[in-house]
Amino acid sequence: MTILIGILCKDTIVLASDSQTSYEVSKRRDGEKIRVVRFKDNNALVAQSGCSDTSDRIIDVFSRLTPKIKLDDPETAIKLMQLAMVSVREELRRQHLNCGAEELRQVFINEGLDCDLMMAHHCNGKPFCIALISNQDAPDQARQSMSLLE
């Protein structure tokens, strides 16, 4: 089990996680679970827990969406992360013969594909931290599961 902690301070953000990664029959204690994602004018930190294959793919897609985007509104980062999450869900759905939402939910459960992400960044001088959950049925539900903390 991974522990992610995001603490918002007046002028800074503290984002922390453990470093243990578990596989079927082994464990590593040197996993890197926090990545820097570059926007045009700023950086965001994204911490991951759960299935690293799913979370790594979401962060990769998110990272390709951000370099030319200015981070001038906290909703910008949320919308781009939501787009990345939906994109990865669609990839997984296609890999499972274009299955429906309920079947995809079962795939997530049976194959252990769930992941959670925590994104932290500054916008207009204020720190933000957003928690995200990967296994949601629809974009509206995915948006509702995101917590924007100020």
N, C-alpha and C. Protein backbone atom coordinates (compact mmCIF):
# COMPACT_ATOMS: atom_id res chain seq x y z
N MET A 1 0.83 -1.17 0.00
CA MET A 1 0.00 0.00 0.00
C MET A 1 0.89 1.24 0.00
N THR A 2 0.55 2.18 -0.86
CA THR A 2 1.30 3.42 -0.96
C THR A 2 0.61 4.50 -0.15
N ILE A 3 1.41 5.32 0.46
CA ILE A 3 0.88 6.47 1.19
C ILE A 3 1.31 7.72 0.45
N LEU A 4 0.33 8.55 0.09
CA LEU A 4 0.60 9.84 -0.53
C LEU A 4 0.14 10.93 0.43
N ILE A 5 0.98 11.93 0.60
CA ILE A 5 0.64 13.04 1.48
C ILE A 5 0.89 14.35 0.74
N GLY A 6 -0.11 15.21 0.73
CA GLY A 6 0.04 16.54 0.17
C GLY A 6 -0.31 17.56 1.24
N ILE A 7 0.61 18.45 1.52
CA ILE A 7 0.39 19.48 2.54
C ILE A 7 0.56 20.85 1.88
N LEU A 8 -0.48 21.66 1.99
CA LEU A 8 -0.43 23.02 1.46
C LEU A 8 -0.02 23.97 2.57
N CYS A 9 1.04 24.71 2.32
CA CYS A 9 1.49 25.73 3.25
C CYS A 9 1.23 27.09 2.61
N LYS A 10 1.52 28.15 3.31
CA LYS A 10 1.23 29.48 2.79
C LYS A 10 1.88 29.72 1.42
N ASP A 11 3.14 29.40 1.30
CA ASP A 11 3.87 29.69 0.07
C ASP A 11 4.45 28.47 -0.63
N THR A 12 4.16 27.28 -0.10
CA THR A 12 4.79 26.10 -0.68
C THR A 12 3.87 24.89 -0.55
N ILE A 13 4.27 23.83 -1.21
CA ILE A 13 3.55 22.56 -1.17
C ILE A 13 4.54 21.48 -0.77
N VAL A 14 4.12 20.60 0.11
CA VAL A 14 4.92 19.44 0.46
C VAL A 14 4.17 18.22 -0.07
N LEU A 15 4.81 17.45 -0.92
CA LEU A 15 4.22 16.24 -1.48
C LEU A 15 5.18 15.10 -1.17
N ALA A 16 4.66 14.04 -0.56
CA ALA A 16 5.52 12.94 -0.13
C ALA A 16 4.84 11.60 -0.38
N SER A 17 5.66 10.58 -0.54
CA SER A 17 5.15 9.20 -0.66
C SER A 17 6.23 8.25 -0.17
N ASP A 18 5.83 7.01 0.04
CA ASP A 18 6.81 5.98 0.33
C ASP A 18 7.48 5.60 -0.99
N SER A 19 8.44 4.71 -0.95
CA SER A 19 9.13 4.31 -2.18
C SER A 19 9.04 2.82 -2.47
N GLN A 20 8.23 2.09 -1.72
CA GLN A 20 8.12 0.64 -1.95
C GLN A 20 7.15 0.35 -3.09
N THR A 21 7.59 -0.51 -4.00
CA THR A 21 6.75 -0.97 -5.10
C THR A 21 6.62 -2.47 -4.99
N SER A 22 5.39 -2.96 -5.00
CA SER A 22 5.15 -4.40 -4.86
C SER A 22 4.80 -5.01 -6.21
N TYR A 23 5.34 -6.19 -6.44
CA TYR A 23 5.01 -6.99 -7.62
C TYR A 23 4.39 -8.28 -7.11
N GLU A 24 4.07 -9.18 -8.01
CA GLU A 24 3.39 -10.41 -7.59
C GLU A 24 4.14 -11.16 -6.49
N VAL A 25 5.44 -11.32 -6.65
CA VAL A 25 6.19 -12.11 -5.67
C VAL A 25 7.41 -11.37 -5.10
N SER A 26 7.52 -10.07 -5.41
CA SER A 26 8.69 -9.35 -4.91
C SER A 26 8.32 -7.91 -4.60
N LYS A 27 9.27 -7.23 -3.95
CA LYS A 27 9.10 -5.82 -3.62
C LYS A 27 10.39 -5.09 -3.90
N ARG A 28 10.24 -3.82 -4.29
CA ARG A 28 11.39 -2.92 -4.44
C ARG A 28 11.17 -1.75 -3.51
N ARG A 29 12.24 -1.25 -2.96
CA ARG A 29 12.12 -0.13 -2.02
C ARG A 29 12.69 1.16 -2.59
N ASP A 30 12.90 1.22 -3.90
CA ASP A 30 13.48 2.42 -4.51
C ASP A 30 12.60 2.99 -5.62
N GLY A 31 11.30 2.75 -5.54
CA GLY A 31 10.39 3.27 -6.56
C GLY A 31 10.29 4.78 -6.51
N GLU A 32 10.18 5.40 -7.67
CA GLU A 32 9.98 6.85 -7.75
C GLU A 32 8.52 7.10 -8.06
N LYS A 33 7.79 7.55 -7.06
CA LYS A 33 6.34 7.70 -7.18
C LYS A 33 5.89 9.14 -7.33
N ILE A 34 6.84 10.06 -7.43
CA ILE A 34 6.51 11.46 -7.66
C ILE A 34 7.28 11.92 -8.90
N ARG A 35 6.54 12.49 -9.85
CA ARG A 35 7.16 12.95 -11.10
C ARG A 35 6.87 14.43 -11.31
N VAL A 36 7.79 15.10 -11.98
CA VAL A 36 7.61 16.50 -12.37
C VAL A 36 6.99 16.53 -13.77
N VAL A 37 5.93 17.31 -13.91
CA VAL A 37 5.30 17.51 -15.22
C VAL A 37 5.44 19.00 -15.56
N ARG A 38 5.97 19.28 -16.74
CA ARG A 38 6.27 20.65 -17.12
C ARG A 38 5.14 21.27 -17.95
N PHE A 39 4.69 22.43 -17.51
CA PHE A 39 3.79 23.26 -18.28
C PHE A 39 4.63 24.34 -18.95
N LYS A 40 4.02 25.15 -19.79
CA LYS A 40 4.76 26.20 -20.49
C LYS A 40 5.41 27.17 -19.51
N ASP A 41 4.70 27.52 -18.44
CA ASP A 41 5.17 28.55 -17.52
C ASP A 41 5.35 28.08 -16.08
N ASN A 42 5.21 26.77 -15.84
CA ASN A 42 5.21 26.29 -14.46
C ASN A 42 5.45 24.79 -14.46
N ASN A 43 5.57 24.22 -13.31
CA ASN A 43 5.69 22.77 -13.15
C ASN A 43 4.60 22.28 -12.20
N ALA A 44 4.25 21.03 -12.34
CA ALA A 44 3.36 20.37 -11.40
C ALA A 44 4.06 19.10 -10.93
N LEU A 45 3.74 18.67 -9.74
CA LEU A 45 4.21 17.39 -9.23
C LEU A 45 3.03 16.44 -9.24
N VAL A 46 3.27 15.20 -9.67
CA VAL A 46 2.22 14.19 -9.66
C VAL A 46 2.75 12.97 -8.91
N ALA A 47 2.04 12.61 -7.84
CA ALA A 47 2.38 11.43 -7.06
C ALA A 47 1.41 10.32 -7.42
N GLN A 48 1.87 9.08 -7.38
CA GLN A 48 1.04 7.96 -7.81
C GLN A 48 1.03 6.84 -6.79
N SER A 49 -0.12 6.15 -6.75
CA SER A 49 -0.23 4.94 -5.95
C SER A 49 -1.10 3.95 -6.71
N GLY A 50 -1.05 2.70 -6.31
CA GLY A 50 -1.82 1.68 -7.01
C GLY A 50 -1.01 1.10 -8.16
N CYS A 51 -1.71 0.68 -9.20
CA CYS A 51 -1.06 0.04 -10.34
C CYS A 51 -0.15 1.03 -11.07
N SER A 52 1.15 0.75 -11.04
CA SER A 52 2.10 1.67 -11.66
C SER A 52 1.98 1.69 -13.18
N ASP A 53 1.56 0.58 -13.80
CA ASP A 53 1.36 0.59 -15.25
C ASP A 53 0.30 1.61 -15.63
N THR A 54 -0.81 1.62 -14.91
CA THR A 54 -1.89 2.56 -15.21
C THR A 54 -1.47 3.98 -14.89
N SER A 55 -0.93 4.20 -13.71
CA SER A 55 -0.58 5.57 -13.31
C SER A 55 0.55 6.13 -14.17
N ASP A 56 1.55 5.32 -14.50
CA ASP A 56 2.62 5.79 -15.38
C ASP A 56 2.08 6.21 -16.74
N ARG A 57 1.15 5.42 -17.26
CA ARG A 57 0.58 5.75 -18.58
C ARG A 57 -0.23 7.04 -18.52
N ILE A 58 -1.02 7.22 -17.46
CA ILE A 58 -1.80 8.46 -17.31
C ILE A 58 -0.85 9.65 -17.23
N ILE A 59 0.20 9.54 -16.43
CA ILE A 59 1.15 10.65 -16.28
C ILE A 59 1.87 10.91 -17.60
N ASP A 60 2.21 9.87 -18.36
CA ASP A 60 2.85 10.05 -19.67
C ASP A 60 1.94 10.83 -20.62
N VAL A 61 0.67 10.45 -20.67
CA VAL A 61 -0.29 11.15 -21.54
C VAL A 61 -0.44 12.59 -21.06
N PHE A 62 -0.60 12.79 -19.76
CA PHE A 62 -0.72 14.13 -19.18
C PHE A 62 0.50 14.98 -19.54
N SER A 63 1.70 14.40 -19.44
CA SER A 63 2.94 15.13 -19.72
C SER A 63 3.03 15.57 -21.18
N ARG A 64 2.44 14.81 -22.08
CA ARG A 64 2.45 15.20 -23.49
C ARG A 64 1.45 16.33 -23.78
N LEU A 65 0.45 16.50 -22.92
CA LEU A 65 -0.56 17.54 -23.12
C LEU A 65 -0.14 18.91 -22.58
N THR A 66 0.82 18.95 -21.68
CA THR A 66 1.08 20.17 -20.90
C THR A 66 2.15 21.14 -21.42
N PRO A 67 3.16 20.75 -22.19
CA PRO A 67 4.28 21.66 -22.45
C PRO A 67 3.93 23.00 -23.09
N LYS A 68 2.88 23.07 -23.87
CA LYS A 68 2.54 24.33 -24.53
C LYS A 68 1.40 25.06 -23.84
N ILE A 69 0.98 24.56 -22.68
CA ILE A 69 -0.16 25.12 -21.96
C ILE A 69 0.32 25.96 -20.78
N LYS A 70 -0.24 27.19 -20.67
CA LYS A 70 0.05 28.03 -19.51
C LYS A 70 -0.85 27.59 -18.36
N LEU A 71 -0.27 27.53 -17.20
CA LEU A 71 -1.00 27.11 -16.01
C LEU A 71 -1.48 28.36 -15.27
N ASP A 72 -2.48 29.04 -15.86
CA ASP A 72 -2.96 30.30 -15.29
C ASP A 72 -4.31 30.16 -14.57
N ASP A 73 -4.82 28.93 -14.49
CA ASP A 73 -6.09 28.64 -13.81
C ASP A 73 -5.98 27.24 -13.24
N PRO A 74 -6.34 27.02 -11.96
CA PRO A 74 -6.22 25.68 -11.39
C PRO A 74 -7.03 24.63 -12.13
N GLU A 75 -8.12 25.04 -12.76
CA GLU A 75 -8.96 24.11 -13.52
C GLU A 75 -8.23 23.57 -14.75
N THR A 76 -7.26 24.32 -15.27
CA THR A 76 -6.51 23.87 -16.44
C THR A 76 -5.84 22.53 -16.18
N ALA A 77 -5.15 22.42 -15.07
CA ALA A 77 -4.45 21.18 -14.73
C ALA A 77 -5.45 20.04 -14.52
N ILE A 78 -6.56 20.33 -13.86
CA ILE A 78 -7.58 19.30 -13.61
C ILE A 78 -8.15 18.79 -14.93
N LYS A 79 -8.50 19.71 -15.82
CA LYS A 79 -9.08 19.31 -17.11
C LYS A 79 -8.12 18.48 -17.94
N LEU A 80 -6.83 18.86 -17.94
CA LEU A 80 -5.84 18.08 -18.69
C LEU A 80 -5.62 16.71 -18.08
N MET A 81 -5.60 16.62 -16.75
CA MET A 81 -5.44 15.32 -16.10
C MET A 81 -6.67 14.45 -16.38
N GLN A 82 -7.84 15.05 -16.34
CA GLN A 82 -9.06 14.31 -16.65
C GLN A 82 -9.01 13.78 -18.08
N LEU A 83 -8.54 14.60 -19.00
CA LEU A 83 -8.40 14.17 -20.39
C LEU A 83 -7.43 12.99 -20.50
N ALA A 84 -6.32 13.05 -19.78
CA ALA A 84 -5.34 11.96 -19.79
C ALA A 84 -5.95 10.69 -19.21
N MET A 85 -6.71 10.81 -18.13
CA MET A 85 -7.33 9.64 -17.51
C MET A 85 -8.36 9.00 -18.43
N VAL A 86 -9.17 9.82 -19.08
CA VAL A 86 -10.17 9.30 -20.01
C VAL A 86 -9.48 8.63 -21.19
N SER A 87 -8.40 9.21 -21.68
CA SER A 87 -7.65 8.64 -22.79
C SER A 87 -7.11 7.25 -22.45
N VAL A 88 -6.55 7.11 -21.26
CA VAL A 88 -6.00 5.81 -20.85
C VAL A 88 -7.13 4.79 -20.64
N ARG A 89 -8.24 5.22 -20.09
CA ARG A 89 -9.40 4.31 -19.95
C ARG A 89 -9.86 3.82 -21.33
N GLU A 90 -9.87 4.73 -22.31
CA GLU A 90 -10.27 4.34 -23.67
C GLU A 90 -9.27 3.35 -24.27
N GLU A 91 -7.98 3.58 -24.03
CA GLU A 91 -6.97 2.62 -24.49
C GLU A 91 -7.23 1.24 -23.89
N LEU A 92 -7.49 1.20 -22.59
CA LEU A 92 -7.74 -0.08 -21.92
C LEU A 92 -9.03 -0.72 -22.42
N ARG A 93 -10.04 0.10 -22.66
CA ARG A 93 -11.31 -0.43 -23.17
C ARG A 93 -11.10 -1.06 -24.55
N ARG A 94 -10.34 -0.40 -25.42
CA ARG A 94 -10.06 -0.96 -26.76
C ARG A 94 -9.25 -2.25 -26.65
N GLN A 95 -8.31 -2.30 -25.72
CA GLN A 95 -7.50 -3.51 -25.53
C GLN A 95 -8.34 -4.68 -25.04
N HIS A 96 -9.50 -4.39 -24.48
CA HIS A 96 -10.40 -5.44 -23.99
C HIS A 96 -11.65 -5.51 -24.87
N LEU A 97 -11.41 -5.48 -26.18
CA LEU A 97 -12.45 -5.71 -27.19
C LEU A 97 -13.61 -4.73 -27.09
N ASN A 98 -13.28 -3.45 -26.85
CA ASN A 98 -14.30 -2.40 -26.78
C ASN A 98 -15.40 -2.71 -25.77
N CYS A 99 -15.00 -3.20 -24.63
CA CYS A 99 -15.96 -3.59 -23.59
C CYS A 99 -16.71 -2.35 -23.07
N GLY A 100 -17.83 -2.60 -22.44
CA GLY A 100 -18.63 -1.54 -21.85
C GLY A 100 -18.08 -1.09 -20.51
N ALA A 101 -18.75 -0.11 -19.91
CA ALA A 101 -18.28 0.49 -18.66
C ALA A 101 -18.22 -0.53 -17.52
N GLU A 102 -19.25 -1.37 -17.38
CA GLU A 102 -19.26 -2.34 -16.28
C GLU A 102 -18.18 -3.40 -16.48
N GLU A 103 -18.02 -3.84 -17.73
CA GLU A 103 -16.96 -4.82 -18.02
C GLU A 103 -15.58 -4.21 -17.74
N LEU A 104 -15.39 -2.95 -18.10
CA LEU A 104 -14.11 -2.30 -17.85
C LEU A 104 -13.86 -2.16 -16.35
N ARG A 105 -14.90 -1.87 -15.60
CA ARG A 105 -14.76 -1.80 -14.15
C ARG A 105 -14.27 -3.14 -13.61
N GLN A 106 -14.83 -4.23 -14.12
CA GLN A 106 -14.40 -5.57 -13.69
C GLN A 106 -12.96 -5.85 -14.10
N VAL A 107 -12.55 -5.36 -15.27
CA VAL A 107 -11.15 -5.50 -15.71
C VAL A 107 -10.24 -4.80 -14.71
N PHE A 108 -10.60 -3.56 -14.33
CA PHE A 108 -9.80 -2.82 -13.36
C PHE A 108 -9.66 -3.60 -12.07
N ILE A 109 -10.77 -4.18 -11.61
CA ILE A 109 -10.76 -4.93 -10.35
C ILE A 109 -9.97 -6.23 -10.50
N ASN A 110 -10.30 -7.03 -11.51
CA ASN A 110 -9.69 -8.36 -11.69
C ASN A 110 -8.20 -8.29 -11.99
N GLU A 111 -7.78 -7.27 -12.73
CA GLU A 111 -6.38 -7.16 -13.12
C GLU A 111 -5.61 -6.19 -12.23
N GLY A 112 -6.27 -5.65 -11.22
CA GLY A 112 -5.58 -4.74 -10.29
C GLY A 112 -5.05 -3.48 -10.96
N LEU A 113 -5.85 -2.87 -11.83
CA LEU A 113 -5.39 -1.71 -12.60
C LEU A 113 -5.70 -0.37 -11.95
N ASP A 114 -6.39 -0.37 -10.82
CA ASP A 114 -6.74 0.89 -10.16
C ASP A 114 -5.49 1.65 -9.74
N CYS A 115 -5.60 2.96 -9.81
CA CYS A 115 -4.53 3.81 -9.29
C CYS A 115 -5.14 5.11 -8.80
N ASP A 116 -4.42 5.77 -7.93
CA ASP A 116 -4.79 7.10 -7.45
C ASP A 116 -3.62 8.02 -7.73
N LEU A 117 -3.95 9.26 -8.02
CA LEU A 117 -2.92 10.27 -8.31
C LEU A 117 -3.17 11.48 -7.42
N MET A 118 -2.09 12.17 -7.10
CA MET A 118 -2.20 13.44 -6.39
C MET A 118 -1.33 14.44 -7.15
N MET A 119 -1.94 15.54 -7.56
CA MET A 119 -1.24 16.55 -8.33
C MET A 119 -1.13 17.82 -7.51
N ALA A 120 0.04 18.43 -7.48
CA ALA A 120 0.27 19.66 -6.74
C ALA A 120 0.97 20.67 -7.64
N HIS A 121 0.54 21.92 -7.53
CA HIS A 121 1.15 22.98 -8.33
C HIS A 121 0.79 24.33 -7.74
N HIS A 122 1.48 25.35 -8.21
CA HIS A 122 1.14 26.73 -7.86
C HIS A 122 0.44 27.37 -9.05
N CYS A 123 -0.53 28.20 -8.76
CA CYS A 123 -1.22 28.94 -9.82
C CYS A 123 -1.55 30.32 -9.27
N ASN A 124 -1.08 31.33 -9.98
CA ASN A 124 -1.30 32.71 -9.55
C ASN A 124 -0.87 32.94 -8.10
N GLY A 125 0.25 32.33 -7.75
CA GLY A 125 0.82 32.53 -6.43
C GLY A 125 0.19 31.72 -5.32
N LYS A 126 -0.78 30.87 -5.64
CA LYS A 126 -1.43 30.05 -4.62
C LYS A 126 -1.11 28.58 -4.85
N PRO A 127 -0.89 27.81 -3.77
CA PRO A 127 -0.64 26.38 -3.92
C PRO A 127 -1.96 25.60 -4.04
N PHE A 128 -1.96 24.56 -4.87
CA PHE A 128 -3.11 23.69 -5.04
C PHE A 128 -2.67 22.24 -4.99
N CYS A 129 -3.56 21.40 -4.48
CA CYS A 129 -3.31 19.96 -4.42
C CYS A 129 -4.61 19.26 -4.78
N ILE A 130 -4.56 18.35 -5.74
CA ILE A 130 -5.75 17.69 -6.25
C ILE A 130 -5.57 16.19 -6.14
N ALA A 131 -6.54 15.49 -5.56
CA ALA A 131 -6.53 14.03 -5.49
C ALA A 131 -7.42 13.49 -6.60
N LEU A 132 -6.95 12.44 -7.30
CA LEU A 132 -7.67 11.88 -8.43
C LEU A 132 -7.75 10.37 -8.32
N ILE A 133 -8.85 9.80 -8.77
CA ILE A 133 -9.09 8.35 -8.70
C ILE A 133 -9.28 7.84 -10.12
N SER A 134 -8.61 6.75 -10.51
CA SER A 134 -8.62 6.31 -11.91
C SER A 134 -9.86 5.53 -12.32
N ASN A 135 -10.46 4.75 -11.46
CA ASN A 135 -11.53 3.85 -11.89
C ASN A 135 -12.90 4.50 -11.72
N GLN A 136 -13.22 5.37 -12.64
CA GLN A 136 -14.53 6.02 -12.68
C GLN A 136 -15.18 5.67 -14.01
N ASP A 137 -16.50 5.60 -14.04
CA ASP A 137 -17.22 5.16 -15.22
C ASP A 137 -17.30 6.20 -16.33
N ALA A 138 -17.40 7.45 -15.99
CA ALA A 138 -17.61 8.47 -17.00
C ALA A 138 -16.86 9.74 -16.62
N PRO A 139 -16.58 10.61 -17.60
CA PRO A 139 -15.85 11.84 -17.29
C PRO A 139 -16.51 12.66 -16.18
N ASP A 140 -17.84 12.75 -16.15
CA ASP A 140 -18.49 13.53 -15.10
C ASP A 140 -18.20 12.94 -13.74
N GLN A 141 -18.22 11.61 -13.64
CA GLN A 141 -17.92 10.98 -12.35
C GLN A 141 -16.46 11.16 -12.00
N ALA A 142 -15.59 11.10 -13.01
CA ALA A 142 -14.16 11.31 -12.74
C ALA A 142 -13.95 12.72 -12.22
N ARG A 143 -14.63 13.71 -12.79
CA ARG A 143 -14.50 15.09 -12.34
C ARG A 143 -15.00 15.24 -10.90
N GLN A 144 -16.09 14.56 -10.57
CA GLN A 144 -16.65 14.66 -9.23
C GLN A 144 -15.72 14.03 -8.19
N SER A 145 -14.90 13.08 -8.60
CA SER A 145 -14.02 12.41 -7.64
C SER A 145 -12.77 13.22 -7.34
N MET A 146 -12.52 14.28 -8.10
CA MET A 146 -11.32 15.09 -7.89
C MET A 146 -11.59 16.09 -6.80
N SER A 147 -10.68 16.18 -5.87
CA SER A 147 -10.82 17.13 -4.77
C SER A 147 -9.85 18.27 -4.99
N LEU A 148 -10.37 19.47 -5.12
CA LEU A 148 -9.54 20.64 -5.24
C LEU A 148 -9.41 21.27 -3.87
N LEU A 149 -8.21 21.26 -3.34
CA LEU A 149 -7.99 21.77 -2.00
C LEU A 149 -7.30 23.12 -2.09
N GLU A 150 -7.81 24.10 -1.37
CA GLU A 150 -7.17 25.42 -1.34
C GLU A 150 -6.73 25.73 0.06
